[in-house]
Protein backbone atom coordinates (compact mmCIF):
# COMPACT_ATOMS: atom_id res chain seq x y z
CA SER A 1 0.16 -10.00 11.15
CA SER A 2 3.26 -12.10 11.96
CA GLY A 3 5.55 -9.21 10.99
CA ILE A 4 3.61 -6.97 13.33
CA ASN A 5 3.98 -9.49 16.15
CA ALA A 6 7.71 -9.76 15.55
CA GLU A 7 8.05 -5.98 15.66
CA TYR A 8 6.01 -5.33 18.80
CA GLY A 9 6.28 -8.59 20.72
CA GLU A 10 3.94 -9.62 23.51
CA SER A 11 2.60 -6.13 24.36
CA PRO A 12 1.65 -4.27 21.20
CA PRO A 13 0.42 -0.70 21.73
CA TRP A 14 -3.08 -1.58 20.41
CA GLY A 15 -3.66 -4.37 22.93
CA GLU A 16 -5.52 -7.52 21.89
CA ARG A 17 -7.02 -6.06 18.71
CA LYS A 18 -6.11 -8.00 15.55
CA MET A 19 -4.11 -5.75 13.24
CA PHE A 20 -3.36 -6.18 9.56
CA GLY A 21 -0.15 -5.01 7.95
CA CYS A 22 0.23 -3.03 4.76
CA SER A 23 3.03 -2.19 2.38
CA ILE A 24 4.73 1.18 1.97
CA SER A 25 6.78 1.90 -1.13
CA PRO A 26 9.48 4.52 -0.65
CA ARG A 27 8.55 5.89 -4.07
CA TYR A 28 4.73 5.61 -4.22
CA GLY A 29 3.49 5.38 -0.63
CA GLY A 30 0.98 2.95 0.77
CA HIS A 31 -0.60 0.03 -1.05
CA PHE A 32 -1.89 -3.34 0.05
CA ALA A 33 -3.38 -5.16 -2.92
CA PHE A 34 -1.16 -8.21 -3.16
CA ARG A 35 -3.37 -10.56 -5.15
CA ALA A 36 -1.49 -13.85 -4.78
CA VAL A 37 1.43 -15.62 -3.14
CA PHE A 38 3.05 -18.80 -4.40
CA VAL A 39 4.88 -21.03 -1.94
CA PHE A 40 7.10 -23.75 -3.32
CA LYS A 41 8.08 -25.95 -0.38
CA ASN A 42 10.61 -28.09 -2.23
CA VAL A 43 12.34 -25.46 -4.35
CA GLN A 44 15.72 -24.45 -3.01
CA ASP A 45 18.53 -22.36 -4.45
CA PRO A 46 21.79 -22.24 -2.49
CA ASP A 47 22.90 -19.22 -4.56
CA ILE A 48 19.85 -17.06 -3.92
CA LEU A 49 20.64 -13.61 -2.64
CA TYR A 50 18.53 -12.63 0.36
CA LEU A 51 18.14 -8.90 0.84
CA THR A 52 17.20 -7.17 4.05
CA PRO A 53 13.81 -5.51 3.56
CA HIS A 54 13.91 -1.73 3.19
CA ASP A 55 12.27 0.08 6.11
CA ALA A 56 10.49 2.93 4.32
CA VAL A 57 8.66 4.19 7.41
CA GLY A 58 11.49 4.29 9.92
CA SER A 59 10.31 5.38 13.35
CA ARG A 60 8.31 3.18 15.69
CA ASP A 61 5.83 6.01 16.31
CA ASP A 62 5.19 6.42 12.58
CA LYS A 63 4.69 2.67 12.23
CA ILE A 64 2.11 2.71 15.02
CA LYS A 65 0.40 5.71 13.40
CA LEU A 66 0.43 3.90 10.03
CA LEU A 67 -1.01 0.64 11.37
CA SER A 68 -3.67 2.45 13.39
CA ALA A 69 -4.72 4.60 10.41
CA PHE A 70 -4.80 1.60 8.05
CA ASN A 71 -6.72 -0.67 10.42
CA ASN A 72 -9.17 1.97 11.64
CA ASP A 73 -10.16 3.34 8.21
CA TRP A 74 -8.28 1.99 5.20
CA LYS A 75 -10.38 4.18 2.85
CA ASN A 76 -8.95 7.34 4.42
CA PRO A 77 -5.79 8.00 2.36
CA GLU A 78 -3.86 9.28 5.41
CA TRP A 79 -2.05 5.95 5.83
CA ARG A 80 -0.93 5.99 2.19
CA ASN A 81 0.89 9.27 2.81
CA ILE A 82 2.77 8.31 5.98
CA ILE A 83 6.04 9.20 4.22
CA PRO A 84 6.84 11.81 1.56
CA THR A 85 6.75 10.21 -1.90
CA ASP A 86 8.05 11.03 -5.36
CA ILE A 87 4.69 10.37 -7.00
CA PRO A 88 1.68 10.70 -4.66
CA TYR A 89 -1.65 9.15 -5.57
CA SER A 90 -3.98 11.46 -7.50
CA ASP A 91 -7.51 12.27 -6.35
CA GLN A 92 -8.80 9.98 -9.14
CA GLN A 93 -6.68 7.10 -7.88
CA ILE A 94 -7.89 7.58 -4.30
CA GLU A 95 -11.49 7.68 -5.54
CA TYR A 96 -10.87 4.44 -7.46
CA PHE A 97 -9.29 2.68 -4.46
CA ASN A 98 -12.16 3.71 -2.19
CA ARG A 99 -14.88 2.20 -4.38
CA ASP A 100 -16.07 -1.37 -4.30
CA PRO A 101 -14.61 -3.28 -7.25
CA SER A 102 -18.08 -3.50 -8.84
CA GLU A 103 -18.24 0.33 -8.92
CA ARG A 104 -14.78 1.02 -10.35
CA GLY A 105 -15.57 0.70 -14.07
CA PRO A 106 -16.77 4.29 -14.67
CA ILE A 107 -13.81 5.74 -12.74
CA MET A 108 -11.38 3.66 -14.79
CA GLU A 109 -13.07 4.80 -18.00
CA ALA A 110 -12.73 8.47 -16.93
CA ILE A 111 -9.03 7.96 -16.16
CA LEU A 112 -8.43 6.23 -19.51
CA ASP A 113 -10.40 8.92 -21.37
CA SER A 114 -8.35 11.68 -19.78
CA HIS A 115 -5.14 9.98 -20.97
CA ARG A 116 -6.56 9.32 -24.45
CA ASN A 117 -7.56 12.98 -24.76
CA LYS A 118 -4.05 14.13 -23.79
CA GLY A 119 -2.66 12.16 -26.71
CA ASN A 120 -5.20 13.65 -29.16
CA LYS A 121 -4.64 17.32 -28.26
CA LYS A 122 -2.80 19.29 -30.89
CA GLU A 123 -0.15 21.85 -30.02
CA ASP A 124 -0.97 25.46 -31.00
């Protein structure tokens, strides 16, 4: 939440409540499943190019709406669609995301089967 604190300072619009950030891709929309981060304290590269992060959301009001939606009910896909995207998540993907990991196997099998069947269909 350090990025959130930097953005909203000492008086965030949600008060004292702890808020968690999420990531918005300008192409795909909202996601937040970063599985790992590696920090190498003693690795330095004087030639590294640092890029300014892209602000996919834009307005402060939309950012507040995004953070509120994500933190109040992350299973509701509203926060994923805070911006228009090239490739929105399908209903199957949303169903997959909203399940506990232990319950995702059958949904993944259905998704894979639907793609396998597309490849096996013959043109008339």
